[in-house]
Amino acid sequence: MDANCHVEPTQKIIASDERKNLTTVGLAVWGMGCPHCATRVRNGLLALTGVVEADVDHTTGFAFVEYSQDLVSMPDLLQAIAQAGGDNRHRYVGMYLGVVTQQETL
């Protein structure tokens, strides 16, 4: 883990319109090498209006994202993952795995 890779986790205040028509999806994420990478991807997802929760694990390469289908699309989520590595040192790629049911959530 590179000391220059450090990033602080984002704290997000969720607006009421972001809590409508929620779904949770599982995503595979490639390119994460340390916990800071997972935080960087999480922050990128939470920056989207409509994302209310993002749980990203660099060891498994999985992300679970809860979001409003009224405000965010799957291409938006995948683009946010790619842009999270936009510092020319990190490159992340996401892939949709499917909708997560209540029983499957962490």
PDB file of N, CA and C in Angstrom:
ATOM      1  N   MET A   1       0.858  -1.172   0.000  1.00  0.00           N
ATOM      2  CA  MET A   1       0.000   0.000   0.000  1.00  0.00           C
ATOM      3  C   MET A   1       0.898   1.228   0.000  1.00  0.00           C
ATOM      4  N   ASP A   2       0.692   2.087  -0.958  1.00  0.00           N
ATOM      5  CA  ASP A   2       1.483   3.292  -1.147  1.00  0.00           C
ATOM      6  C   ASP A   2       0.937   4.422  -0.267  1.00  0.00           C
ATOM      7  N   ALA A   3       1.803   5.086   0.474  1.00  0.00           N
ATOM      8  CA  ALA A   3       1.374   6.188   1.339  1.00  0.00           C
ATOM      9  C   ALA A   3       0.763   7.324   0.533  1.00  0.00           C
ATOM     10  N   ASN A   4       1.176   7.489  -0.712  1.00  0.00           N
ATOM     11  CA  ASN A   4       0.615   8.536  -1.571  1.00  0.00           C
ATOM     12  C   ASN A   4      -0.768   8.179  -2.099  1.00  0.00           C
ATOM     13  N   CYS A   5      -1.222   7.003  -1.819  1.00  0.00           N
ATOM     14  CA  CYS A   5      -2.512   6.508  -2.309  1.00  0.00           C
ATOM     15  C   CYS A   5      -3.658   6.851  -1.357  1.00  0.00           C
ATOM     16  N   HIS A   6      -3.351   7.371  -0.186  1.00  0.00           N
ATOM     17  CA  HIS A   6      -4.362   7.607   0.852  1.00  0.00           C
ATOM     18  C   HIS A   6      -5.499   8.500   0.365  1.00  0.00           C
ATOM     19  N   VAL A   7      -6.713   8.146   0.754  1.00  0.00           N
ATOM     20  CA  VAL A   7      -7.906   8.935   0.459  1.00  0.00           C
ATOM     21  C   VAL A   7      -8.868   8.791   1.637  1.00  0.00           C
ATOM     22  N   GLU A   8      -9.509   9.874   2.001  1.00  0.00           N
ATOM     23  CA  GLU A   8     -10.469   9.865   3.110  1.00  0.00           C
ATOM     24  C   GLU A   8     -11.855   9.455   2.608  1.00  0.00           C
ATOM     25  N   PRO A   9     -12.598   8.671   3.397  1.00  0.00           N
ATOM     26  CA  PRO A   9     -13.954   8.282   2.989  1.00  0.00           C
ATOM     27  C   PRO A   9     -14.921   9.464   3.015  1.00  0.00           C
ATOM     28  N   THR A  10     -15.790   9.486   2.032  1.00  0.00           N
ATOM     29  CA  THR A  10     -16.820  10.510   1.910  1.00  0.00           C
ATOM     30  C   THR A  10     -17.955  10.229   2.892  1.00  0.00           C
ATOM     31  N   GLN A  11     -18.458  11.281   3.507  1.00  0.00           N
ATOM     32  CA  GLN A  11     -19.668  11.194   4.313  1.00  0.00           C
ATOM     33  C   GLN A  11     -20.759  11.907   3.524  1.00  0.00           C
ATOM     34  N   LYS A  12     -21.859  11.236   3.280  1.00  0.00           N
ATOM     35  CA  LYS A  12     -22.914  11.792   2.434  1.00  0.00           C
ATOM     36  C   LYS A  12     -24.207  11.950   3.215  1.00  0.00           C
ATOM     37  N   ILE A  13     -24.844  13.082   3.027  1.00  0.00           N
ATOM     38  CA  ILE A  13     -26.184  13.314   3.565  1.00  0.00           C
ATOM     39  C   ILE A  13     -27.160  12.982   2.442  1.00  0.00           C
ATOM     40  N   ILE A  14     -28.062  12.058   2.711  1.00  0.00           N
ATOM     41  CA  ILE A  14     -28.982  11.562   1.699  1.00  0.00           C
ATOM     42  C   ILE A  14     -30.244  12.424   1.681  1.00  0.00           C
ATOM     43  N   ALA A  15     -30.575  12.939   0.493  1.00  0.00           N
ATOM     44  CA  ALA A  15     -31.794  13.729   0.322  1.00  0.00           C
ATOM     45  C   ALA A  15     -33.000  12.789   0.228  1.00  0.00           C
ATOM     46  N   SER A  16     -34.182  13.292   0.562  1.00  0.00           N
ATOM     47  CA  SER A  16     -35.382  12.450   0.570  1.00  0.00           C
ATOM     48  C   SER A  16     -35.708  11.889  -0.818  1.00  0.00           C
ATOM     49  N   ASP A  17     -35.463  12.653  -1.879  1.00  0.00           N
ATOM     50  CA  ASP A  17     -35.778  12.145  -3.219  1.00  0.00           C
ATOM     51  C   ASP A  17     -34.830  11.018  -3.639  1.00  0.00           C
ATOM     52  N   GLU A  18     -33.677  10.909  -2.983  1.00  0.00           N
ATOM     53  CA  GLU A  18     -32.734   9.836  -3.287  1.00  0.00           C
ATOM     54  C   GLU A  18     -33.183   8.496  -2.695  1.00  0.00           C
ATOM     55  N   ARG A  19     -34.156   8.530  -1.793  1.00  0.00           N
ATOM     56  CA  ARG A  19     -34.609   7.316  -1.111  1.00  0.00           C
ATOM     57  C   ARG A  19     -35.806   6.663  -1.806  1.00  0.00           C
ATOM     58  N   LYS A  20     -36.189   7.162  -2.972  1.00  0.00           N
ATOM     59  CA  LYS A  20     -37.348   6.628  -3.691  1.00  0.00           C
ATOM     60  C   LYS A  20     -36.900   5.624  -4.750  1.00  0.00           C
ATOM     61  N   ASN A  21     -37.676   4.537  -4.865  1.00  0.00           N
ATOM     62  CA  ASN A  21     -37.457   3.520  -5.890  1.00  0.00           C
ATOM     63  C   ASN A  21     -36.040   2.938  -5.801  1.00  0.00           C
ATOM     64  N   LEU A  22     -35.672   2.500  -4.596  1.00  0.00           N
ATOM     65  CA  LEU A  22     -34.316   1.988  -4.357  1.00  0.00           C
ATOM     66  C   LEU A  22     -34.158   0.545  -4.815  1.00  0.00           C
ATOM     67  N   THR A  23     -32.994   0.251  -5.288  1.00  0.00           N
ATOM     68  CA  THR A  23     -32.590  -1.116  -5.606  1.00  0.00           C
ATOM     69  C   THR A  23     -31.135  -1.280  -5.204  1.00  0.00           C
ATOM     70  N   THR A  24     -30.737  -2.514  -4.956  1.00  0.00           N
ATOM     71  CA  THR A  24     -29.341  -2.818  -4.633  1.00  0.00           C
ATOM     72  C   THR A  24     -28.800  -3.768  -5.690  1.00  0.00           C
ATOM     73  N   VAL A  25     -27.626  -3.428  -6.201  1.00  0.00           N
ATOM     74  CA  VAL A  25     -26.994  -4.265  -7.217  1.00  0.00           C
ATOM     75  C   VAL A  25     -25.611  -4.693  -6.755  1.00  0.00           C
ATOM     76  N   GLY A  26     -25.170  -5.795  -7.314  1.00  0.00           N
ATOM     77  CA  GLY A  26     -23.805  -6.252  -7.105  1.00  0.00           C
ATOM     78  C   GLY A  26     -22.981  -5.924  -8.335  1.00  0.00           C
ATOM     79  N   LEU A  27     -21.772  -5.448  -8.108  1.00  0.00           N
ATOM     80  CA  LEU A  27     -20.863  -5.101  -9.196  1.00  0.00           C
ATOM     81  C   LEU A  27     -19.511  -5.761  -8.942  1.00  0.00           C
ATOM     82  N   ALA A  28     -18.888  -6.220 -10.002  1.00  0.00           N
ATOM     83  CA  ALA A  28     -17.494  -6.660  -9.916  1.00  0.00           C
ATOM     84  C   ALA A  28     -16.639  -5.446 -10.249  1.00  0.00           C
ATOM     85  N   VAL A  29     -15.547  -5.263  -9.515  1.00  0.00           N
ATOM     86  CA  VAL A  29     -14.654  -4.127  -9.755  1.00  0.00           C
ATOM     87  C   VAL A  29     -13.226  -4.647  -9.862  1.00  0.00           C
ATOM     88  N   TRP A  30     -12.583  -4.359 -10.992  1.00  0.00           N
ATOM     89  CA  TRP A  30     -11.196  -4.748 -11.209  1.00  0.00           C
ATOM     90  C   TRP A  30     -10.286  -3.536 -11.043  1.00  0.00           C
ATOM     91  N   GLY A  31      -9.071  -3.785 -10.597  1.00  0.00           N
ATOM     92  CA  GLY A  31      -8.050  -2.749 -10.513  1.00  0.00           C
ATOM     93  C   GLY A  31      -7.763  -2.253  -9.112  1.00  0.00           C
ATOM     94  N   MET A  32      -8.522  -2.710  -8.125  1.00  0.00           N
ATOM     95  CA  MET A  32      -8.305  -2.253  -6.754  1.00  0.00           C
ATOM     96  C   MET A  32      -7.196  -3.078  -6.113  1.00  0.00           C
ATOM     97  N   GLY A  33      -6.190  -2.398  -5.564  1.00  0.00           N
ATOM     98  CA  GLY A  33      -5.074  -3.106  -4.964  1.00  0.00           C
ATOM     99  C   GLY A  33      -4.951  -2.937  -3.465  1.00  0.00           C
ATOM    100  N   CYS A  34      -5.719  -2.014  -2.880  1.00  0.00           N
ATOM    101  CA  CYS A  34      -5.592  -1.766  -1.448  1.00  0.00           C
ATOM    102  C   CYS A  34      -6.896  -1.160  -0.921  1.00  0.00           C
ATOM    103  N   PRO A  35      -7.041  -1.030   0.401  1.00  0.00           N
ATOM    104  CA  PRO A  35      -8.254  -0.442   0.970  1.00  0.00           C
ATOM    105  C   PRO A  35      -8.516   0.980   0.473  1.00  0.00           C
ATOM    106  N   HIS A  36      -7.453   1.732   0.161  1.00  0.00           N
ATOM    107  CA  HIS A  36      -7.655   3.094  -0.335  1.00  0.00           C
ATOM    108  C   HIS A  36      -8.314   3.087  -1.713  1.00  0.00           C
ATOM    109  N   CYS A  37      -8.008   2.083  -2.510  1.00  0.00           N
ATOM    110  CA  CYS A  37      -8.668   1.942  -3.812  1.00  0.00           C
ATOM    111  C   CYS A  37     -10.169   1.728  -3.613  1.00  0.00           C
ATOM    112  N   ALA A  38     -10.529   0.869  -2.663  1.00  0.00           N
ATOM    113  CA  ALA A  38     -11.940   0.625  -2.375  1.00  0.00           C
ATOM    114  C   ALA A  38     -12.621   1.907  -1.906  1.00  0.00           C
ATOM    115  N   THR A  39     -11.935   2.689  -1.096  1.00  0.00           N
ATOM    116  CA  THR A  39     -12.490   3.965  -0.631  1.00  0.00           C
ATOM    117  C   THR A  39     -12.656   4.931  -1.791  1.00  0.00           C
ATOM    118  N   ARG A  40     -11.688   4.954  -2.683  1.00  0.00           N
ATOM    119  CA  ARG A  40     -11.766   5.828  -3.856  1.00  0.00           C
ATOM    120  C   ARG A  40     -12.989   5.465  -4.725  1.00  0.00           C
ATOM    121  N   VAL A  41     -13.207   4.157  -4.951  1.00  0.00           N
ATOM    122  CA  VAL A  41     -14.364   3.710  -5.731  1.00  0.00           C
ATOM    123  C   VAL A  41     -15.658   4.037  -4.987  1.00  0.00           C
ATOM    124  N   ARG A  42     -15.689   3.782  -3.689  1.00  0.00           N
ATOM    125  CA  ARG A  42     -16.876   4.090  -2.873  1.00  0.00           C
ATOM    126  C   ARG A  42     -17.212   5.577  -2.952  1.00  0.00           C
ATOM    127  N   ASN A  43     -16.193   6.425  -2.796  1.00  0.00           N
ATOM    128  CA  ASN A  43     -16.419   7.875  -2.857  1.00  0.00           C
ATOM    129  C   ASN A  43     -16.972   8.285  -4.218  1.00  0.00           C
ATOM    130  N   GLY A  44     -16.446   7.680  -5.280  1.00  0.00           N
ATOM    131  CA  GLY A  44     -16.928   7.992  -6.621  1.00  0.00           C
ATOM    132  C   GLY A  44     -18.385   7.625  -6.805  1.00  0.00           C
ATOM    133  N   LEU A  45     -18.773   6.485  -6.260  1.00  0.00           N
ATOM    134  CA  LEU A  45     -20.177   6.069  -6.354  1.00  0.00           C
ATOM    135  C   LEU A  45     -21.079   6.977  -5.522  1.00  0.00           C
ATOM    136  N   LEU A  46     -20.659   7.285  -4.296  1.00  0.00           N
ATOM    137  CA  LEU A  46     -21.471   8.146  -3.425  1.00  0.00           C
ATOM    138  C   LEU A  46     -21.587   9.576  -3.946  1.00  0.00           C
ATOM    139  N   ALA A  47     -20.688   9.978  -4.810  1.00  0.00           N
ATOM    140  CA  ALA A  47     -20.763  11.329  -5.383  1.00  0.00           C
ATOM    141  C   ALA A  47     -21.945  11.480  -6.331  1.00  0.00           C
ATOM    142  N   LEU A  48     -22.492  10.356  -6.796  1.00  0.00           N
ATOM    143  CA  LEU A  48     -23.636  10.417  -7.701  1.00  0.00           C
ATOM    144  C   LEU A  48     -24.912  10.722  -6.921  1.00  0.00           C
ATOM    145  N   THR A  49     -25.683  11.666  -7.395  1.00  0.00           N
ATOM    146  CA  THR A  49     -26.992  11.933  -6.808  1.00  0.00           C
ATOM    147  C   THR A  49     -27.863  10.718  -7.062  1.00  0.00           C
ATOM    148  N   GLY A  50     -28.367  10.134  -6.004  1.00  0.00           N
ATOM    149  CA  GLY A  50     -29.201   8.948  -6.116  1.00  0.00           C
ATOM    150  C   GLY A  50     -28.578   7.713  -5.489  1.00  0.00           C
ATOM    151  N   VAL A  51     -27.267   7.703  -5.294  1.00  0.00           N
ATOM    152  CA  VAL A  51     -26.616   6.585  -4.612  1.00  0.00           C
ATOM    153  C   VAL A  51     -26.702   6.850  -3.118  1.00  0.00           C
ATOM    154  N   VAL A  52     -27.309   5.915  -2.385  1.00  0.00           N
ATOM    155  CA  VAL A  52     -27.487   6.113  -0.948  1.00  0.00           C
ATOM    156  C   VAL A  52     -26.517   5.273  -0.114  1.00  0.00           C
ATOM    157  N   GLU A  53     -25.960   4.211  -0.707  1.00  0.00           N
ATOM    158  CA  GLU A  53     -25.004   3.375   0.020  1.00  0.00           C
ATOM    159  C   GLU A  53     -24.111   2.665  -0.982  1.00  0.00           C
ATOM    160  N   ALA A  54     -22.846   2.530  -0.619  1.00  0.00           N
ATOM    161  CA  ALA A  54     -21.899   1.780  -1.440  1.00  0.00           C
ATOM    162  C   ALA A  54     -20.944   1.055  -0.510  1.00  0.00           C
ATOM    163  N   ASP A  55     -20.890  -0.249  -0.647  1.00  0.00           N
ATOM    164  CA  ASP A  55     -19.984  -1.078   0.149  1.00  0.00           C
ATOM    165  C   ASP A  55     -19.028  -1.742  -0.838  1.00  0.00           C
ATOM    166  N   VAL A  56     -17.755  -1.378  -0.776  1.00  0.00           N
ATOM    167  CA  VAL A  56     -16.761  -1.836  -1.746  1.00  0.00           C
ATOM    168  C   VAL A  56     -15.657  -2.582  -1.007  1.00  0.00           C
ATOM    169  N   ASP A  57     -15.308  -3.773  -1.488  1.00  0.00           N
ATOM    170  CA  ASP A  57     -14.286  -4.600  -0.860  1.00  0.00           C
ATOM    171  C   ASP A  57     -13.184  -4.901  -1.872  1.00  0.00           C
ATOM    172  N   HIS A  58     -11.989  -4.401  -1.608  1.00  0.00           N
ATOM    173  CA  HIS A  58     -10.890  -4.600  -2.554  1.00  0.00           C
ATOM    174  C   HIS A  58     -10.388  -6.040  -2.577  1.00  0.00           C
ATOM    175  N   THR A  59     -10.568  -6.778  -1.477  1.00  0.00           N
ATOM    176  CA  THR A  59     -10.056  -8.151  -1.438  1.00  0.00           C
ATOM    177  C   THR A  59     -10.895  -9.104  -2.283  1.00  0.00           C
ATOM    178  N   THR A  60     -12.196  -8.873  -2.332  1.00  0.00           N
ATOM    179  CA  THR A  60     -13.074  -9.725  -3.142  1.00  0.00           C
ATOM    180  C   THR A  60     -13.318  -9.140  -4.529  1.00  0.00           C
ATOM    181  N   GLY A  61     -13.121  -7.820  -4.664  1.00  0.00           N
ATOM    182  CA  GLY A  61     -13.404  -7.171  -5.933  1.00  0.00           C
ATOM    183  C   GLY A  61     -14.884  -6.962  -6.182  1.00  0.00           C
ATOM    184  N   PHE A  62     -15.662  -6.921  -5.101  1.00  0.00           N
ATOM    185  CA  PHE A  62     -17.103  -6.728  -5.236  1.00  0.00           C
ATOM    186  C   PHE A  62     -17.547  -5.416  -4.607  1.00  0.00           C
ATOM    187  N   ALA A  63     -18.612  -4.875  -5.184  1.00  0.00           N
ATOM    188  CA  ALA A  63     -19.262  -3.688  -4.632  1.00  0.00           C
ATOM    189  C   ALA A  63     -20.760  -3.943  -4.605  1.00  0.00           C
ATOM    190  N   PHE A  64     -21.391  -3.531  -3.525  1.00  0.00           N
ATOM    191  CA  PHE A  64     -22.838  -3.558  -3.428  1.00  0.00           C
ATOM    192  C   PHE A  64     -23.289  -2.108  -3.337  1.00  0.00           C
ATOM    193  N   VAL A  65     -24.176  -1.717  -4.230  1.00  0.00           N
ATOM    194  CA  VAL A  65     -24.581  -0.320  -4.330  1.00  0.00           C
ATOM    195  C   VAL A  65     -26.099  -0.222  -4.238  1.00  0.00           C
ATOM    196  N   GLU A  66     -26.572   0.600  -3.306  1.00  0.00           N
ATOM    197  CA  GLU A  66     -28.000   0.888  -3.184  1.00  0.00           C
ATOM    198  C   GLU A  66     -28.236   2.264  -3.777  1.00  0.00           C
ATOM    199  N   TYR A  67     -29.184   2.340  -4.706  1.00  0.00           N
ATOM    200  CA  TYR A  67     -29.399   3.602  -5.407  1.00  0.00           C
ATOM    201  C   TYR A  67     -30.843   3.740  -5.871  1.00  0.00           C
ATOM    202  N   SER A  68     -31.222   4.973  -6.174  1.00  0.00           N
ATOM    203  CA  SER A  68     -32.543   5.273  -6.706  1.00  0.00           C
ATOM    204  C   SER A  68     -32.525   5.093  -8.213  1.00  0.00           C
ATOM    205  N   GLN A  69     -33.367   4.191  -8.696  1.00  0.00           N
ATOM    206  CA  GLN A  69     -33.457   3.955 -10.132  1.00  0.00           C
ATOM    207  C   GLN A  69     -34.038   5.159 -10.867  1.00  0.00           C
ATOM    208  N   ASP A  70     -34.678   6.071 -10.136  1.00  0.00           N
ATOM    209  CA  ASP A  70     -35.225   7.288 -10.740  1.00  0.00           C
ATOM    210  C   ASP A  70     -34.121   8.298 -11.058  1.00  0.00           C
ATOM    211  N   LEU A  71     -32.976   8.203 -10.370  1.00  0.00           N
ATOM    212  CA  LEU A  71     -31.937   9.228 -10.486  1.00  0.00           C
ATOM    213  C   LEU A  71     -30.621   8.736 -11.081  1.00  0.00           C
ATOM    214  N   VAL A  72     -30.383   7.431 -11.034  1.00  0.00           N
ATOM    215  CA  VAL A  72     -29.099   6.885 -11.464  1.00  0.00           C
ATOM    216  C   VAL A  72     -29.343   5.670 -12.355  1.00  0.00           C
ATOM    217  N   SER A  73     -28.538   5.542 -13.390  1.00  0.00           N
ATOM    218  CA  SER A  73     -28.619   4.372 -14.268  1.00  0.00           C
ATOM    219  C   SER A  73     -27.379   3.497 -14.083  1.00  0.00           C
ATOM    220  N   MET A  74     -27.449   2.280 -14.594  1.00  0.00           N
ATOM    221  CA  MET A  74     -26.295   1.388 -14.506  1.00  0.00           C
ATOM    222  C   MET A  74     -25.079   1.985 -15.213  1.00  0.00           C
ATOM    223  N   PRO A  75     -25.226   2.567 -16.412  1.00  0.00           N
ATOM    224  CA  PRO A  75     -24.052   3.204 -17.026  1.00  0.00           C
ATOM    225  C   PRO A  75     -23.444   4.303 -16.153  1.00  0.00           C
ATOM    226  N   ASP A  76     -24.277   5.024 -15.400  1.00  0.00           N
ATOM    227  CA  ASP A  76     -23.763   6.052 -14.479  1.00  0.00           C
ATOM    228  C   ASP A  76     -22.870   5.423 -13.416  1.00  0.00           C
ATOM    229  N   LEU A  77     -23.298   4.290 -12.856  1.00  0.00           N
ATOM    230  CA  LEU A  77     -22.517   3.614 -11.818  1.00  0.00           C
ATOM    231  C   LEU A  77     -21.178   3.132 -12.375  1.00  0.00           C
ATOM    232  N   LEU A  78     -21.209   2.521 -13.543  1.00  0.00           N
ATOM    233  CA  LEU A  78     -19.982   1.998 -14.138  1.00  0.00           C
ATOM    234  C   LEU A  78     -19.025   3.126 -14.526  1.00  0.00           C
ATOM    235  N   GLN A  79     -19.579   4.240 -14.987  1.00  0.00           N
ATOM    236  CA  GLN A  79     -18.741   5.395 -15.321  1.00  0.00           C
ATOM    237  C   GLN A  79     -18.102   5.986 -14.062  1.00  0.00           C
ATOM    238  N   ALA A  80     -18.859   6.043 -12.966  1.00  0.00           N
ATOM    239  CA  ALA A  80     -18.314   6.568 -11.702  1.00  0.00           C
ATOM    240  C   ALA A  80     -17.149   5.708 -11.227  1.00  0.00           C
ATOM    241  N   ILE A  81     -17.250   4.397 -11.410  1.00  0.00           N
ATOM    242  CA  ILE A  81     -16.148   3.507 -11.030  1.00  0.00           C
ATOM    243  C   ILE A  81     -14.918   3.822 -11.871  1.00  0.00           C
ATOM    244  N   ALA A  82     -15.104   3.938 -13.168  1.00  0.00           N
ATOM    245  CA  ALA A  82     -13.979   4.233 -14.066  1.00  0.00           C
ATOM    246  C   ALA A  82     -13.357   5.593 -13.744  1.00  0.00           C
ATOM    247  N   GLN A  83     -14.178   6.579 -13.463  1.00  0.00           N
ATOM    248  CA  GLN A  83     -13.674   7.924 -13.177  1.00  0.00           C
ATOM    249  C   GLN A  83     -12.996   8.002 -11.813  1.00  0.00           C
ATOM    250  N   ALA A  84     -13.309   7.085 -10.914  1.00  0.00           N
ATOM    251  CA  ALA A  84     -12.674   7.089  -9.594  1.00  0.00           C
ATOM    252  C   ALA A  84     -11.171   6.872  -9.709  1.00  0.00           C
ATOM    253  N   GLY A  85     -10.735   6.255 -10.778  1.00  0.00           N
ATOM    254  CA  GLY A  85      -9.316   6.021 -10.989  1.00  0.00           C
ATOM    255  C   GLY A  85      -8.687   7.027 -11.934  1.00  0.00           C
ATOM    256  N   GLY A  86      -9.297   8.164 -12.097  1.00  0.00           N
ATOM    257  CA  GLY A  86      -8.865   9.139 -13.085  1.00  0.00           C
ATOM    258  C   GLY A  86      -7.630   9.947 -12.748  1.00  0.00           C
ATOM    259  N   ASP A  87      -6.789   9.465 -11.840  1.00  0.00           N
ATOM    260  CA  ASP A  87      -5.592  10.223 -11.466  1.00  0.00           C
ATOM    261  C   ASP A  87      -4.340   9.746 -12.202  1.00  0.00           C
ATOM    262  N   ASN A  88      -4.527   8.935 -13.247  1.00  0.00           N
ATOM    263  CA  ASN A  88      -3.434   8.381 -14.054  1.00  0.00           C
ATOM    264  C   ASN A  88      -2.558   7.381 -13.297  1.00  0.00           C
ATOM    265  N   ARG A  89      -2.891   7.071 -12.058  1.00  0.00           N
ATOM    266  CA  ARG A  89      -2.163   6.051 -11.290  1.00  0.00           C
ATOM    267  C   ARG A  89      -3.042   4.834 -11.045  1.00  0.00           C
ATOM    268  N   HIS A  90      -4.346   5.023 -11.090  1.00  0.00           N
ATOM    269  CA  HIS A  90      -5.290   3.965 -10.787  1.00  0.00           C
ATOM    270  C   HIS A  90      -6.235   3.801 -11.970  1.00  0.00           C
ATOM    271  N   ARG A  91      -6.607   2.562 -12.238  1.00  0.00           N
ATOM    272  CA  ARG A  91      -7.566   2.296 -13.303  1.00  0.00           C
ATOM    273  C   ARG A  91      -8.521   1.222 -12.806  1.00  0.00           C
ATOM    274  N   TYR A  92      -9.792   1.593 -12.740  1.00  0.00           N
ATOM    275  CA  TYR A  92     -10.813   0.675 -12.250  1.00  0.00           C
ATOM    276  C   TYR A  92     -11.827   0.408 -13.357  1.00  0.00           C
ATOM    277  N   VAL A  93     -12.324  -0.809 -13.368  1.00  0.00           N
ATOM    278  CA  VAL A  93     -13.342  -1.218 -14.331  1.00  0.00           C
ATOM    279  C   VAL A  93     -14.421  -1.955 -13.563  1.00  0.00           C
ATOM    280  N   GLY A  94     -15.680  -1.592 -13.801  1.00  0.00           N
ATOM    281  CA  GLY A  94     -16.799  -2.243 -13.138  1.00  0.00           C
ATOM    282  C   GLY A  94     -17.644  -3.026 -14.112  1.00  0.00           C
ATOM    283  N   MET A  95     -18.316  -4.059 -13.593  1.00  0.00           N
ATOM    284  CA  MET A  95     -19.228  -4.864 -14.393  1.00  0.00           C
ATOM    285  C   MET A  95     -20.448  -5.217 -13.550  1.00  0.00           C
ATOM    286  N   TYR A  96     -21.613  -5.066 -14.128  1.00  0.00           N
ATOM    287  CA  TYR A  96     -22.873  -5.385 -13.467  1.00  0.00           C
ATOM    288  C   TYR A  96     -22.992  -6.891 -13.265  1.00  0.00           C
ATOM    289  N   LEU A  97     -23.341  -7.312 -12.046  1.00  0.00           N
ATOM    290  CA  LEU A  97     -23.523  -8.727 -11.744  1.00  0.00           C
ATOM    291  C   LEU A  97     -24.981  -9.100 -11.543  1.00  0.00           C
ATOM    292  N   GLY A  98     -25.787  -8.162 -11.057  1.00  0.00           N
ATOM    293  CA  GLY A  98     -27.203  -8.452 -10.864  1.00  0.00           C
ATOM    294  C   GLY A  98     -27.787  -7.722  -9.670  1.00  0.00           C
ATOM    295  N   VAL A  99     -29.104  -7.828  -9.569  1.00  0.00           N
ATOM    296  CA  VAL A  99     -29.837  -7.222  -8.461  1.00  0.00           C
ATOM    297  C   VAL A  99     -29.663  -8.112  -7.238  1.00  0.00           C
ATOM    298  N   VAL A 100     -29.467  -7.482  -6.093  1.00  0.00           N
ATOM    299  CA  VAL A 100     -29.277  -8.199  -4.836  1.00  0.00           C
ATOM    300  C   VAL A 100     -30.596  -8.171  -4.073  1.00  0.00           C
ATOM    301  N   THR A 101     -31.032  -9.336  -3.600  1.00  0.00           N
ATOM    302  CA  THR A 101     -32.281  -9.398  -2.824  1.00  0.00           C
ATOM    303  C   THR A 101     -31.987  -9.058  -1.368  1.00  0.00           C
ATOM    304  N   GLN A 102     -33.021  -8.848  -0.621  1.00  0.00           N
ATOM    305  CA  GLN A 102     -32.911  -8.499   0.798  1.00  0.00           C
ATOM    306  C   GLN A 102     -32.101  -9.545   1.559  1.00  0.00           C
ATOM    307  N   GLN A 103     -32.269 -10.826   1.236  1.00  0.00           N
ATOM    308  CA  GLN A 103     -31.590 -11.887   1.951  1.00  0.00           C
ATOM    309  C   GLN A 103     -30.098 -11.919   1.627  1.00  0.00           C
ATOM    310  N   GLU A 104     -29.710 -11.407   0.457  1.00  0.00           N
ATOM    311  CA  GLU A 104     -28.325 -11.488   0.022  1.00  0.00           C
ATOM    312  C   GLU A 104     -27.454 -10.323   0.479  1.00  0.00           C
ATOM    313  N   THR A 105     -28.075  -9.241   0.962  1.00  0.00           N
ATOM    314  CA  THR A 105     -27.301  -8.060   1.325  1.00  0.00           C
ATOM    315  C   THR A 105     -26.409  -8.344   2.507  1.00  0.00           C
ATOM    316  N   LEU A 106     -25.344  -7.533   2.632  1.00  0.00           N
ATOM    317  CA  LEU A 106     -24.360  -7.741   3.707  1.00  0.00           C
ATOM    318  C   LEU A 106     -24.918  -7.415   5.056  1.00  0.00           C
TER     319      LEU A 106
END
